[in-house]
């Protein structure tokens, strides 16, 4: 009788080990999927620059708004507006000019990137 009980306990241990291993594998699959989802939240990967004739119109509108500077970046269908134009001013500061589909200025905002280096 003692050998039958040991055999039965041995079967239970195998079942428990298989169940535990299966649960651990499921956790790894779910955790791995979460990492893949979290890793795909890259805003830069979805940015599209303004192209064609729209680029010239957007640049002209942004430079008219800032009064000076050089266009250093553009984006279509930005989260804040239809077009975004980044202008670097003569003093090195940057202004993001938000435009609607008709190239009218929606807003403009100076980036708060302080230059901590020496300007000798």
PDB file of N, CA and C in Angstrom:
ATOM      1  N   UNK A   1       0.803  -1.177   0.000  1.00  0.00           N
ATOM      2  CA  UNK A   1       0.000   0.000   0.000  1.00  0.00           C
ATOM      3  C   UNK A   1       0.855   1.253   0.000  1.00  0.00           C
ATOM      4  N   UNK A   2       1.940   1.170   0.686  1.00  0.00           N
ATOM      5  CA  UNK A   2       2.807   2.331   0.760  1.00  0.00           C
ATOM      6  C   UNK A   2       3.333   2.682  -0.609  1.00  0.00           C
ATOM      7  N   UNK A   3       3.621   1.689  -1.476  1.00  0.00           N
ATOM      8  CA  UNK A   3       4.150   1.979  -2.802  1.00  0.00           C
ATOM      9  C   UNK A   3       3.079   2.613  -3.680  1.00  0.00           C
ATOM     10  N   UNK A   4       1.814   2.252  -3.510  1.00  0.00           N
ATOM     11  CA  UNK A   4       0.738   2.846  -4.293  1.00  0.00           C
ATOM     12  C   UNK A   4       0.571   4.314  -3.924  1.00  0.00           C
ATOM     13  N   UNK A   5       0.699   4.633  -2.654  1.00  0.00           N
ATOM     14  CA  UNK A   5       0.559   6.009  -2.211  1.00  0.00           C
ATOM     15  C   UNK A   5       1.713   6.856  -2.757  1.00  0.00           C
ATOM     16  N   UNK A   6       2.921   6.283  -2.785  1.00  0.00           N
ATOM     17  CA  UNK A   6       4.073   7.004  -3.304  1.00  0.00           C
ATOM     18  C   UNK A   6       3.884   7.251  -4.796  1.00  0.00           C
ATOM     19  N   UNK A   7       3.388   6.225  -5.517  1.00  0.00           N
ATOM     20  CA  UNK A   7       3.146   6.382  -6.944  1.00  0.00           C
ATOM     21  C   UNK A   7       2.101   7.454  -7.204  1.00  0.00           C
ATOM     22  N   UNK A   8       1.057   7.474  -6.412  1.00  0.00           N
ATOM     23  CA  UNK A   8      -0.006   8.468  -6.576  1.00  0.00           C
ATOM     24  C   UNK A   8       0.533   9.867  -6.301  1.00  0.00           C
ATOM     25  N   UNK A   9       1.330  10.013  -5.228  1.00  0.00           N
ATOM     26  CA  UNK A   9       1.940  11.310  -4.921  1.00  0.00           C
ATOM     27  C   UNK A   9       2.889  11.726  -6.028  1.00  0.00           C
ATOM     28  N   UNK A  10       3.584  10.771  -6.626  1.00  0.00           N
ATOM     29  CA  UNK A  10       4.497  11.069  -7.728  1.00  0.00           C
ATOM     30  C   UNK A  10       3.746  11.623  -8.922  1.00  0.00           C
ATOM     31  N   UNK A  11       2.551  11.050  -9.214  1.00  0.00           N
ATOM     32  CA  UNK A  11       1.731  11.549 -10.304  1.00  0.00           C
ATOM     33  C   UNK A  11       1.253  12.974 -10.009  1.00  0.00           C
ATOM     34  N   UNK A  12       0.897  13.234  -8.766  1.00  0.00           N
ATOM     35  CA  UNK A  12       0.436  14.561  -8.394  1.00  0.00           C
ATOM     36  C   UNK A  12       1.564  15.576  -8.550  1.00  0.00           C
ATOM     37  N   UNK A  13       2.767  15.162  -8.167  1.00  0.00           N
ATOM     38  CA  UNK A  13       3.896  16.076  -8.315  1.00  0.00           C
ATOM     39  C   UNK A  13       4.142  16.402  -9.782  1.00  0.00           C
ATOM     40  N   UNK A  14       3.998  15.427 -10.666  1.00  0.00           N
ATOM     41  CA  UNK A  14       4.179  15.667 -12.099  1.00  0.00           C
ATOM     42  C   UNK A  14       3.117  16.630 -12.607  1.00  0.00           C
ATOM     43  N   UNK A  15       1.864  16.413 -12.177  1.00  0.00           N
ATOM     44  CA  UNK A  15       0.782  17.294 -12.604  1.00  0.00           C
ATOM     45  C   UNK A  15       1.007  18.716 -12.095  1.00  0.00           C
ATOM     46  N   UNK A  16       1.421  18.826 -10.821  1.00  0.00           N
ATOM     47  CA  UNK A  16       1.670  20.154 -10.258  1.00  0.00           C
ATOM     48  C   UNK A  16       2.821  20.837 -10.992  1.00  0.00           C
ATOM     49  N   UNK A  17       3.859  20.075 -11.321  1.00  0.00           N
ATOM     50  CA  UNK A  17       5.001  20.654 -12.023  1.00  0.00           C
ATOM     51  C   UNK A  17       4.588  21.116 -13.423  1.00  0.00           C
ATOM     52  N   UNK A  18       3.790  20.304 -14.113  1.00  0.00           N
ATOM     53  CA  UNK A  18       3.340  20.682 -15.450  1.00  0.00           C
ATOM     54  C   UNK A  18       2.432  21.900 -15.397  1.00  0.00           C
ATOM     55  N   UNK A  19       1.546  21.942 -14.410  1.00  0.00           N
ATOM     56  CA  UNK A  19       0.652  23.089 -14.265  1.00  0.00           C
ATOM     57  C   UNK A  19       1.453  24.340 -13.953  1.00  0.00           C
ATOM     58  N   UNK A  20       2.420  24.224 -13.063  1.00  0.00           N
ATOM     59  CA  UNK A  20       3.262  25.365 -12.701  1.00  0.00           C
ATOM     60  C   UNK A  20       4.079  25.832 -13.901  1.00  0.00           C
ATOM     61  N   UNK A  21       4.639  24.901 -14.651  1.00  0.00           N
ATOM     62  CA  UNK A  21       5.421  25.262 -15.837  1.00  0.00           C
ATOM     63  C   UNK A  21       4.543  25.929 -16.885  1.00  0.00           C
ATOM     64  N   UNK A  22       3.338  25.426 -17.060  1.00  0.00           N
ATOM     65  CA  UNK A  22       2.406  26.030 -18.019  1.00  0.00           C
ATOM     66  C   UNK A  22       2.016  27.435 -17.600  1.00  0.00           C
ATOM     67  N   UNK A  23       1.771  27.631 -16.333  1.00  0.00           N
ATOM     68  CA  UNK A  23       1.412  28.963 -15.836  1.00  0.00           C
ATOM     69  C   UNK A  23       2.579  29.928 -16.002  1.00  0.00           C
ATOM     70  N   UNK A  24       3.792  29.447 -15.718  1.00  0.00           N
ATOM     71  CA  UNK A  24       4.972  30.298 -15.877  1.00  0.00           C
ATOM     72  C   UNK A  24       5.165  30.684 -17.337  1.00  0.00           C
ATOM     73  N   UNK A  25       4.944  29.764 -18.253  1.00  0.00           N
ATOM     74  CA  UNK A  25       5.061  30.061 -19.682  1.00  0.00           C
ATOM     75  C   UNK A  25       4.017  31.089 -20.107  1.00  0.00           C
ATOM     76  N   UNK A  26       2.809  30.973 -19.599  1.00  0.00           N
ATOM     77  CA  UNK A  26       1.758  31.929 -19.932  1.00  0.00           C
ATOM     78  C   UNK A  26       2.115  33.327 -19.430  1.00  0.00           C
ATOM     79  N   UNK A  27       2.695  33.402 -18.253  1.00  0.00           N
ATOM     80  CA  UNK A  27       3.106  34.697 -17.702  1.00  0.00           C
ATOM     81  C   UNK A  27       4.184  35.312 -18.591  1.00  0.00           C
ATOM     82  N   UNK A  28       5.138  34.527 -19.045  1.00  0.00           N
ATOM     83  CA  UNK A  28       6.199  35.036 -19.912  1.00  0.00           C
ATOM     84  C   UNK A  28       5.644  35.542 -21.231  1.00  0.00           C
ATOM     85  N   UNK A  29       4.681  34.825 -21.796  1.00  0.00           N
ATOM     86  CA  UNK A  29       4.079  35.253 -23.062  1.00  0.00           C
ATOM     87  C   UNK A  29       3.358  36.582 -22.875  1.00  0.00           C
ATOM     88  N   UNK A  30       2.581  36.706 -21.817  1.00  0.00           N
ATOM     89  CA  UNK A  30       1.849  37.940 -21.552  1.00  0.00           C
ATOM     90  C   UNK A  30       2.821  39.078 -21.266  1.00  0.00           C
ATOM     91  N   UNK A  31       3.835  38.823 -20.446  1.00  0.00           N
ATOM     92  CA  UNK A  31       4.813  39.860 -20.116  1.00  0.00           C
ATOM     93  C   UNK A  31       5.578  40.279 -21.358  1.00  0.00           C
ATOM     94  N   UNK A  32       5.946  39.342 -22.200  1.00  0.00           N
ATOM     95  CA  UNK A  32       6.648  39.662 -23.437  1.00  0.00           C
ATOM     96  C   UNK A  32       5.806  40.519 -24.355  1.00  0.00           C
ATOM     97  N   UNK A  33       4.523  40.259 -24.435  1.00  0.00           N
ATOM     98  CA  UNK A  33       3.621  41.072 -25.251  1.00  0.00           C
ATOM     99  C   UNK A  33       3.511  42.480 -24.712  1.00  0.00           C
ATOM    100  N   UNK A  34       3.522  42.626 -23.405  1.00  0.00           N
ATOM    101  CA  UNK A  34       3.474  43.948 -22.792  1.00  0.00           C
ATOM    102  C   UNK A  34       4.712  44.759 -23.111  1.00  0.00           C
ATOM    103  N   UNK A  35       5.860  44.103 -23.127  1.00  0.00           N
ATOM    104  CA  UNK A  35       7.101  44.789 -23.475  1.00  0.00           C
ATOM    105  C   UNK A  35       7.058  45.219 -24.926  1.00  0.00           C
ATOM    106  N   UNK A  36       6.560  44.388 -25.806  1.00  0.00           N
ATOM    107  CA  UNK A  36       6.474  44.735 -27.219  1.00  0.00           C
ATOM    108  C   UNK A  36       5.538  45.916 -27.431  1.00  0.00           C
ATOM    109  N   UNK A  37       4.440  45.942 -26.720  1.00  0.00           N
ATOM    110  CA  UNK A  37       3.489  47.045 -26.843  1.00  0.00           C
ATOM    111  C   UNK A  37       4.095  48.321 -26.292  1.00  0.00           C
ATOM    112  N   UNK A  38       4.722  48.234 -25.138  1.00  0.00           N
ATOM    113  CA  UNK A  38       5.328  49.422 -24.536  1.00  0.00           C
ATOM    114  C   UNK A  38       6.464  49.942 -25.399  1.00  0.00           C
ATOM    115  N   UNK A  39       7.224  49.054 -26.008  1.00  0.00           N
ATOM    116  CA  UNK A  39       8.340  49.458 -26.838  1.00  0.00           C
ATOM    117  C   UNK A  39       7.920  50.098 -28.141  1.00  0.00           C
ATOM    118  N   UNK A  40       6.693  49.914 -28.574  1.00  0.00           N
ATOM    119  CA  UNK A  40       6.254  50.458 -29.852  1.00  0.00           C
ATOM    120  C   UNK A  40       5.689  51.862 -29.725  1.00  0.00           C
ATOM    121  N   UNK A  41       5.751  52.456 -28.533  1.00  0.00           N
ATOM    122  CA  UNK A  41       5.211  53.794 -28.319  1.00  0.00           C
ATOM    123  C   UNK A  41       6.267  54.842 -28.650  1.00  0.00           C
ATOM    124  N   UNK A  42       6.753  54.835 -29.896  1.00  0.00           N
ATOM    125  CA  UNK A  42       7.797  55.742 -30.339  1.00  0.00           C
ATOM    126  C   UNK A  42       7.185  56.819 -31.212  1.00  0.00           C
ATOM    127  N   UNK A  43       7.090  58.028 -30.647  1.00  0.00           N
ATOM    128  CA  UNK A  43       6.465  59.132 -31.351  1.00  0.00           C
ATOM    129  C   UNK A  43       7.217  59.500 -32.621  1.00  0.00           C
ATOM    130  N   UNK A  44       8.538  59.436 -32.583  1.00  0.00           N
ATOM    131  CA  UNK A  44       9.335  59.803 -33.747  1.00  0.00           C
ATOM    132  C   UNK A  44       9.093  58.871 -34.930  1.00  0.00           C
ATOM    133  N   UNK A  45       8.755  57.642 -34.650  1.00  0.00           N
ATOM    134  CA  UNK A  45       8.551  56.684 -35.737  1.00  0.00           C
ATOM    135  C   UNK A  45       7.317  57.011 -36.568  1.00  0.00           C
ATOM    136  N   UNK A  46       6.370  57.726 -36.004  1.00  0.00           N
ATOM    137  CA  UNK A  46       5.141  58.043 -36.724  1.00  0.00           C
ATOM    138  C   UNK A  46       5.139  59.445 -37.317  1.00  0.00           C
ATOM    139  N   UNK A  47       6.173  60.233 -37.048  1.00  0.00           N
ATOM    140  CA  UNK A  47       6.234  61.589 -37.578  1.00  0.00           C
ATOM    141  C   UNK A  47       6.452  61.565 -39.082  1.00  0.00           C
ATOM    142  N   UNK A  48       5.712  62.437 -39.784  1.00  0.00           N
ATOM    143  CA  UNK A  48       5.876  62.580 -41.226  1.00  0.00           C
ATOM    144  C   UNK A  48       6.198  64.023 -41.544  1.00  0.00           C
ATOM    145  N   UNK A  49       7.269  64.276 -42.290  1.00  0.00           N
ATOM    146  CA  UNK A  49       7.593  65.664 -42.639  1.00  0.00           C
ATOM    147  C   UNK A  49       6.618  66.206 -43.685  1.00  0.00           C
ATOM    148  N   UNK A  50       6.465  67.521 -43.709  1.00  0.00           N
ATOM    149  CA  UNK A  50       5.643  68.175 -44.722  1.00  0.00           C
ATOM    150  C   UNK A  50       6.408  68.103 -46.041  1.00  0.00           C
ATOM    151  N   UNK A  51       5.702  67.820 -47.127  1.00  0.00           N
ATOM    152  CA  UNK A  51       6.361  67.660 -48.424  1.00  0.00           C
ATOM    153  C   UNK A  51       5.648  68.473 -49.492  1.00  0.00           C
ATOM    154  N   UNK A  52       6.301  68.618 -50.635  1.00  0.00           N
ATOM    155  CA  UNK A  52       5.702  69.240 -51.809  1.00  0.00           C
ATOM    156  C   UNK A  52       5.425  70.715 -51.620  1.00  0.00           C
ATOM    157  N   UNK A  53       4.395  71.199 -52.309  1.00  0.00           N
ATOM    158  CA  UNK A  53       4.060  72.618 -52.258  1.00  0.00           C
ATOM    159  C   UNK A  53       3.611  73.042 -50.865  1.00  0.00           C
ATOM    160  N   UNK A  54       3.080  72.119 -50.095  1.00  0.00           N
ATOM    161  CA  UNK A  54       2.656  72.426 -48.725  1.00  0.00           C
ATOM    162  C   UNK A  54       3.850  72.834 -47.863  1.00  0.00           C
ATOM    163  N   UNK A  55       5.015  72.268 -48.155  1.00  0.00           N
ATOM    164  CA  UNK A  55       6.207  72.597 -47.377  1.00  0.00           C
ATOM    165  C   UNK A  55       6.538  74.083 -47.518  1.00  0.00           C
ATOM    166  N   UNK A  56       6.541  74.593 -48.723  1.00  0.00           N
ATOM    167  CA  UNK A  56       6.864  76.011 -48.943  1.00  0.00           C
ATOM    168  C   UNK A  56       5.836  76.926 -48.272  1.00  0.00           C
ATOM    169  N   UNK A  57       4.563  76.569 -48.370  1.00  0.00           N
ATOM    170  CA  UNK A  57       3.513  77.383 -47.745  1.00  0.00           C
ATOM    171  C   UNK A  57       3.647  77.371 -46.220  1.00  0.00           C
ATOM    172  N   UNK A  58       3.954  76.214 -45.665  1.00  0.00           N
ATOM    173  CA  UNK A  58       4.109  76.096 -44.216  1.00  0.00           C
ATOM    174  C   UNK A  58       5.331  76.879 -43.738  1.00  0.00           C
ATOM    175  N   UNK A  59       6.432  76.781 -44.476  1.00  0.00           N
ATOM    176  CA  UNK A  59       7.635  77.533 -44.116  1.00  0.00           C
ATOM    177  C   UNK A  59       7.364  79.033 -44.160  1.00  0.00           C
ATOM    178  N   UNK A  60       6.716  79.506 -45.224  1.00  0.00           N
ATOM    179  CA  UNK A  60       6.413  80.930 -45.369  1.00  0.00           C
ATOM    180  C   UNK A  60       5.541  81.428 -44.211  1.00  0.00           C
ATOM    181  N   UNK A  61       4.514  80.656 -43.837  1.00  0.00           N
ATOM    182  CA  UNK A  61       3.619  81.050 -42.754  1.00  0.00           C
ATOM    183  C   UNK A  61       4.359  81.081 -41.419  1.00  0.00           C
ATOM    184  N   UNK A  62       5.217  80.095 -41.174  1.00  0.00           N
ATOM    185  CA  UNK A  62       5.944  80.028 -39.910  1.00  0.00           C
ATOM    186  C   UNK A  62       6.954  81.166 -39.801  1.00  0.00           C
ATOM    187  N   UNK A  63       7.673  81.449 -40.877  1.00  0.00           N
ATOM    188  CA  UNK A  63       8.658  82.530 -40.848  1.00  0.00           C
ATOM    189  C   UNK A  63       7.982  83.894 -40.745  1.00  0.00           C
ATOM    190  N   UNK A  64       6.799  84.043 -41.327  1.00  0.00           N
ATOM    191  CA  UNK A  64       6.041  85.286 -41.172  1.00  0.00           C
ATOM    192  C   UNK A  64       5.639  85.469 -39.708  1.00  0.00           C
ATOM    193  N   UNK A  65       5.317  84.372 -39.030  1.00  0.00           N
ATOM    194  CA  UNK A  65       4.932  84.419 -37.616  1.00  0.00           C
ATOM    195  C   UNK A  65       6.126  84.785 -36.733  1.00  0.00           C
ATOM    196  N   UNK A  66       7.289  84.188 -36.983  1.00  0.00           N
ATOM    197  CA  UNK A  66       8.451  84.417 -36.121  1.00  0.00           C
ATOM    198  C   UNK A  66       9.214  85.688 -36.499  1.00  0.00           C
ATOM    199  N   UNK A  67       9.118  86.104 -37.768  1.00  0.00           N
ATOM    200  CA  UNK A  67       9.808  87.302 -38.216  1.00  0.00           C
ATOM    201  C   UNK A  67      11.277  87.102 -38.526  1.00  0.00           C
ATOM    202  N   UNK A  68      11.810  85.952 -38.247  1.00  0.00           N
ATOM    203  CA  UNK A  68      13.218  85.641 -38.499  1.00  0.00           C
ATOM    204  C   UNK A  68      13.433  84.146 -38.336  1.00  0.00           C
ATOM    205  N   UNK A  69      14.652  83.710 -38.618  1.00  0.00           N
ATOM    206  CA  UNK A  69      15.046  82.342 -38.329  1.00  0.00           C
ATOM    207  C   UNK A  69      15.111  81.446 -39.540  1.00  0.00           C
ATOM    208  N   UNK A  70      15.302  80.165 -39.241  1.00  0.00           N
ATOM    209  CA  UNK A  70      15.449  79.136 -40.268  1.00  0.00           C
ATOM    210  C   UNK A  70      14.591  77.943 -39.879  1.00  0.00           C
ATOM    211  N   UNK A  71      13.870  77.400 -40.842  1.00  0.00           N
ATOM    212  CA  UNK A  71      13.054  76.212 -40.583  1.00  0.00           C
ATOM    213  C   UNK A  71      13.991  75.021 -40.395  1.00  0.00           C
ATOM    214  N   UNK A  72      13.875  74.365 -39.251  1.00  0.00           N
ATOM    215  CA  UNK A  72      14.746  73.231 -38.940  1.00  0.00           C
ATOM    216  C   UNK A  72      13.998  71.918 -38.793  1.00  0.00           C
ATOM    217  N   UNK A  73      12.669  71.944 -38.905  1.00  0.00           N
ATOM    218  CA  UNK A  73      11.906  70.706 -38.835  1.00  0.00           C
ATOM    219  C   UNK A  73      10.452  70.955 -39.154  1.00  0.00           C
ATOM    220  N   UNK A  74       9.808  69.938 -39.724  1.00  0.00           N
ATOM    221  CA  UNK A  74       8.377  70.036 -40.026  1.00  0.00           C
ATOM    222  C   UNK A  74       7.714  68.709 -39.719  1.00  0.00           C
ATOM    223  N   UNK A  75       6.410  68.777 -39.484  1.00  0.00           N
ATOM    224  CA  UNK A  75       5.633  67.558 -39.233  1.00  0.00           C
ATOM    225  C   UNK A  75       4.204  67.793 -39.682  1.00  0.00           C
ATOM    226  N   UNK A  76       3.644  66.791 -40.356  1.00  0.00           N
ATOM    227  CA  UNK A  76       2.246  66.858 -40.778  1.00  0.00           C
ATOM    228  C   UNK A  76       1.407  66.026 -39.815  1.00  0.00           C
ATOM    229  N   UNK A  77       0.202  66.492 -39.539  1.00  0.00           N
ATOM    230  CA  UNK A  77      -0.738  65.841 -38.632  1.00  0.00           C
ATOM    231  C   UNK A  77      -0.131  65.640 -37.247  1.00  0.00           C
ATOM    232  N   UNK A  78       0.416  66.721 -36.729  1.00  0.00           N
ATOM    233  CA  UNK A  78       0.961  66.755 -35.377  1.00  0.00           C
ATOM    234  C   UNK A  78      -0.183  66.591 -34.379  1.00  0.00           C
ATOM    235  N   UNK A  79       0.124  66.211 -33.146  1.00  0.00           N
ATOM    236  CA  UNK A  79      -0.929  66.025 -32.137  1.00  0.00           C
ATOM    237  C   UNK A  79      -1.587  67.343 -31.746  1.00  0.00           C
ATOM    238  N   UNK A  80      -0.930  68.472 -32.016  1.00  0.00           N
ATOM    239  CA  UNK A  80      -1.484  69.771 -31.639  1.00  0.00           C
ATOM    240  C   UNK A  80      -2.174  70.496 -32.790  1.00  0.00           C
ATOM    241  N   UNK A  81      -1.790  70.202 -34.012  1.00  0.00           N
ATOM    242  CA  UNK A  81      -2.359  70.893 -35.171  1.00  0.00           C
ATOM    243  C   UNK A  81      -2.105  70.064 -36.426  1.00  0.00           C
ATOM    244  N   UNK A  82      -2.585  70.575 -37.551  1.00  0.00           N
ATOM    245  CA  UNK A  82      -2.390  69.830 -38.801  1.00  0.00           C
ATOM    246  C   UNK A  82      -0.932  69.870 -39.242  1.00  0.00           C
ATOM    247  N   UNK A  83      -0.314  71.051 -39.172  1.00  0.00           N
ATOM    248  CA  UNK A  83       1.103  71.195 -39.509  1.00  0.00           C
ATOM    249  C   UNK A  83       1.848  71.764 -38.309  1.00  0.00           C
ATOM    250  N   UNK A  84       3.079  71.312 -38.124  1.00  0.00           N
ATOM    251  CA  UNK A  84       3.974  71.912 -37.141  1.00  0.00           C
ATOM    252  C   UNK A  84       5.265  72.257 -37.851  1.00  0.00           C
ATOM    253  N   UNK A  85       5.738  73.485 -37.648  1.00  0.00           N
ATOM    254  CA  UNK A  85       6.994  73.922 -38.241  1.00  0.00           C
ATOM    255  C   UNK A  85       7.891  74.396 -37.106  1.00  0.00           C
ATOM    256  N   UNK A  86       9.078  73.826 -37.030  1.00  0.00           N
ATOM    257  CA  UNK A  86      10.052  74.232 -36.023  1.00  0.00           C
ATOM    258  C   UNK A  86      10.993  75.243 -36.654  1.00  0.00           C
ATOM    259  N   UNK A  87      11.115  76.410 -36.027  1.00  0.00           N
ATOM    260  CA  UNK A  87      11.975  77.481 -36.528  1.00  0.00           C
ATOM    261  C   UNK A  87      13.053  77.755 -35.479  1.00  0.00           C
ATOM    262  N   UNK A  88      14.312  77.760 -35.910  1.00  0.00           N
ATOM    263  CA  UNK A  88      15.405  78.146 -35.030  1.00  0.00           C
ATOM    264  C   UNK A  88      15.702  79.616 -35.289  1.00  0.00           C
ATOM    265  N   UNK A  89      15.557  80.413 -34.251  1.00  0.00           N
ATOM    266  CA  UNK A  89      15.761  81.852 -34.363  1.00  0.00           C
ATOM    267  C   UNK A  89      17.255  82.188 -34.377  1.00  0.00           C
ATOM    268  N   UNK A  90      17.551  83.427 -34.724  1.00  0.00           N
ATOM    269  CA  UNK A  90      18.939  83.863 -34.822  1.00  0.00           C
ATOM    270  C   UNK A  90      19.695  83.722 -33.502  1.00  0.00           C
ATOM    271  N   UNK A  91      18.990  83.812 -32.364  1.00  0.00           N
ATOM    272  CA  UNK A  91      19.648  83.672 -31.058  1.00  0.00           C
ATOM    273  C   UNK A  91      19.792  82.215 -30.613  1.00  0.00           C
ATOM    274  N   UNK A  92      19.350  81.271 -31.472  1.00  0.00           N
ATOM    275  CA  UNK A  92      19.477  79.844 -31.173  1.00  0.00           C
ATOM    276  C   UNK A  92      18.253  79.223 -30.535  1.00  0.00           C
ATOM    277  N   UNK A  93      17.322  80.032 -30.074  1.00  0.00           N
ATOM    278  CA  UNK A  93      16.105  79.476 -29.480  1.00  0.00           C
ATOM    279  C   UNK A  93      15.217  78.904 -30.582  1.00  0.00           C
ATOM    280  N   UNK A  94      14.328  78.019 -30.188  1.00  0.00           N
ATOM    281  CA  UNK A  94      13.443  77.356 -31.155  1.00  0.00           C
ATOM    282  C   UNK A  94      11.991  77.694 -30.869  1.00  0.00           C
ATOM    283  N   UNK A  95      11.245  77.895 -31.946  1.00  0.00           N
ATOM    284  CA  UNK A  95       9.820  78.176 -31.842  1.00  0.00           C
ATOM    285  C   UNK A  95       9.075  77.122 -32.650  1.00  0.00           C
ATOM    286  N   UNK A  96       8.071  76.503 -32.036  1.00  0.00           N
ATOM    287  CA  UNK A  96       7.192  75.572 -32.740  1.00  0.00           C
ATOM    288  C   UNK A  96       5.962  76.352 -33.169  1.00  0.00           C
ATOM    289  N   UNK A  97       5.747  76.441 -34.476  1.00  0.00           N
ATOM    290  CA  UNK A  97       4.597  77.152 -35.016  1.00  0.00           C
ATOM    291  C   UNK A  97       3.583  76.117 -35.479  1.00  0.00           C
ATOM    292  N   UNK A  98       2.374  76.189 -34.915  1.00  0.00           N
ATOM    293  CA  UNK A  98       1.293  75.262 -35.252  1.00  0.00           C
ATOM    294  C   UNK A  98       0.392  75.911 -36.300  1.00  0.00           C
ATOM    295  N   UNK A  99       0.104  75.176 -37.382  1.00  0.00           N
ATOM    296  CA  UNK A  99      -0.710  75.697 -38.480  1.00  0.00           C
ATOM    297  C   UNK A  99      -1.899  74.777 -38.740  1.00  0.00           C
ATOM    298  N   UNK A 100      -3.003  75.367 -39.202  1.00  0.00           N
ATOM    299  CA  UNK A 100      -4.142  74.541 -39.609  1.00  0.00           C
ATOM    300  C   UNK A 100      -3.960  74.127 -41.074  1.00  0.00           C
ATOM    301  N   UNK A 101      -4.957  73.454 -41.647  1.00  0.00           N
ATOM    302  CA  UNK A 101      -4.854  72.949 -43.024  1.00  0.00           C
ATOM    303  C   UNK A 101      -4.749  74.060 -44.065  1.00  0.00           C
ATOM    304  N   UNK A 102      -5.166  75.285 -43.692  1.00  0.00           N
ATOM    305  CA  UNK A 102      -5.089  76.424 -44.605  1.00  0.00           C
ATOM    306  C   UNK A 102      -3.843  77.268 -44.352  1.00  0.00           C
ATOM    307  N   UNK A 103      -2.924  76.759 -43.544  1.00  0.00           N
ATOM    308  CA  UNK A 103      -1.656  77.408 -43.209  1.00  0.00           C
ATOM    309  C   UNK A 103      -1.833  78.659 -42.354  1.00  0.00           C
ATOM    310  N   UNK A 104      -2.950  78.768 -41.680  1.00  0.00           N
ATOM    311  CA  UNK A 104      -3.163  79.846 -40.723  1.00  0.00           C
ATOM    312  C   UNK A 104      -2.542  79.434 -39.388  1.00  0.00           C
ATOM    313  N   UNK A 105      -1.912  80.378 -38.697  1.00  0.00           N
ATOM    314  CA  UNK A 105      -1.257  80.088 -37.426  1.00  0.00           C
ATOM    315  C   UNK A 105      -2.307  79.790 -36.361  1.00  0.00           C
ATOM    316  N   UNK A 106      -2.181  78.642 -35.729  1.00  0.00           N
ATOM    317  CA  UNK A 106      -3.047  78.237 -34.624  1.00  0.00           C
ATOM    318  C   UNK A 106      -2.406  78.681 -33.310  1.00  0.00           C
ATOM    319  N   UNK A 107      -1.093  78.479 -33.202  1.00  0.00           N
ATOM    320  CA  UNK A 107      -0.339  78.898 -32.020  1.00  0.00           C
ATOM    321  C   UNK A 107       1.146  78.850 -32.337  1.00  0.00           C
ATOM    322  N   UNK A 108       1.918  79.492 -31.492  1.00  0.00           N
ATOM    323  CA  UNK A 108       3.372  79.362 -31.576  1.00  0.00           C
ATOM    324  C   UNK A 108       3.919  79.381 -30.163  1.00  0.00           C
ATOM    325  N   UNK A 109       4.941  78.585 -29.942  1.00  0.00           N
ATOM    326  CA  UNK A 109       5.473  78.422 -28.597  1.00  0.00           C
ATOM    327  C   UNK A 109       6.979  78.276 -28.670  1.00  0.00           C
ATOM    328  N   UNK A 110       7.669  79.050 -27.846  1.00  0.00           N
ATOM    329  CA  UNK A 110       9.125  78.940 -27.765  1.00  0.00           C
ATOM    330  C   UNK A 110       9.463  77.747 -26.892  1.00  0.00           C
ATOM    331  N   UNK A 111      10.355  76.880 -27.397  1.00  0.00           N
ATOM    332  CA  UNK A 111      10.801  75.738 -26.604  1.00  0.00           C
ATOM    333  C   UNK A 111      11.631  76.233 -25.440  1.00  0.00           C
ATOM    334  N   UNK A 112      11.423  75.625 -24.279  1.00  0.00           N
ATOM    335  CA  UNK A 112      12.150  76.020 -23.070  1.00  0.00           C
ATOM    336  C   UNK A 112      13.390  75.156 -22.879  1.00  0.00           C
ATOM    337  N   UNK A 113      14.246  75.131 -23.872  1.00  0.00           N
ATOM    338  CA  UNK A 113      15.489  74.375 -23.757  1.00  0.00           C
ATOM    339  C   UNK A 113      16.592  75.358 -23.420  1.00  0.00           C
ATOM    340  N   UNK A 114      16.950  75.427 -22.144  1.00  0.00           N
ATOM    341  CA  UNK A 114      17.979  76.345 -21.704  1.00  0.00           C
ATOM    342  C   UNK A 114      19.343  75.813 -22.095  1.00  0.00           C
ATOM    343  N   UNK A 115      20.176  76.697 -22.629  1.00  0.00           N
ATOM    344  CA  UNK A 115      21.531  76.319 -23.016  1.00  0.00           C
ATOM    345  C   UNK A 115      22.433  76.558 -21.829  1.00  0.00           C
ATOM    346  N   UNK A 116      22.918  75.488 -21.205  1.00  0.00           N
ATOM    347  CA  UNK A 116      23.745  75.618 -20.018  1.00  0.00           C
ATOM    348  C   UNK A 116      25.226  75.715 -20.366  1.00  0.00           C
ATOM    349  N   UNK A 117      25.576  75.690 -21.652  1.00  0.00           N
ATOM    350  CA  UNK A 117      26.978  75.786 -22.051  1.00  0.00           C
ATOM    351  C   UNK A 117      27.443  77.207 -22.078  1.00  0.00           C
ATOM    352  N   UNK A 118      28.749  77.391 -22.194  1.00  0.00           N
ATOM    353  CA  UNK A 118      29.328  78.732 -22.258  1.00  0.00           C
ATOM    354  C   UNK A 118      29.194  79.281 -23.658  1.00  0.00           C
ATOM    355  N   UNK A 119      28.802  80.544 -23.801  1.00  0.00           N
ATOM    356  CA  UNK A 119      28.652  81.188 -25.094  1.00  0.00           C
ATOM    357  C   UNK A 119      29.784  82.175 -25.322  1.00  0.00           C
ATOM    358  N   UNK A 120      31.016  81.702 -25.272  1.00  0.00           N
ATOM    359  CA  UNK A 120      32.170  82.603 -25.428  1.00  0.00           C
ATOM    360  C   UNK A 120      32.415  82.890 -26.864  1.00  0.00           C
TER     361      UNK A 120
END
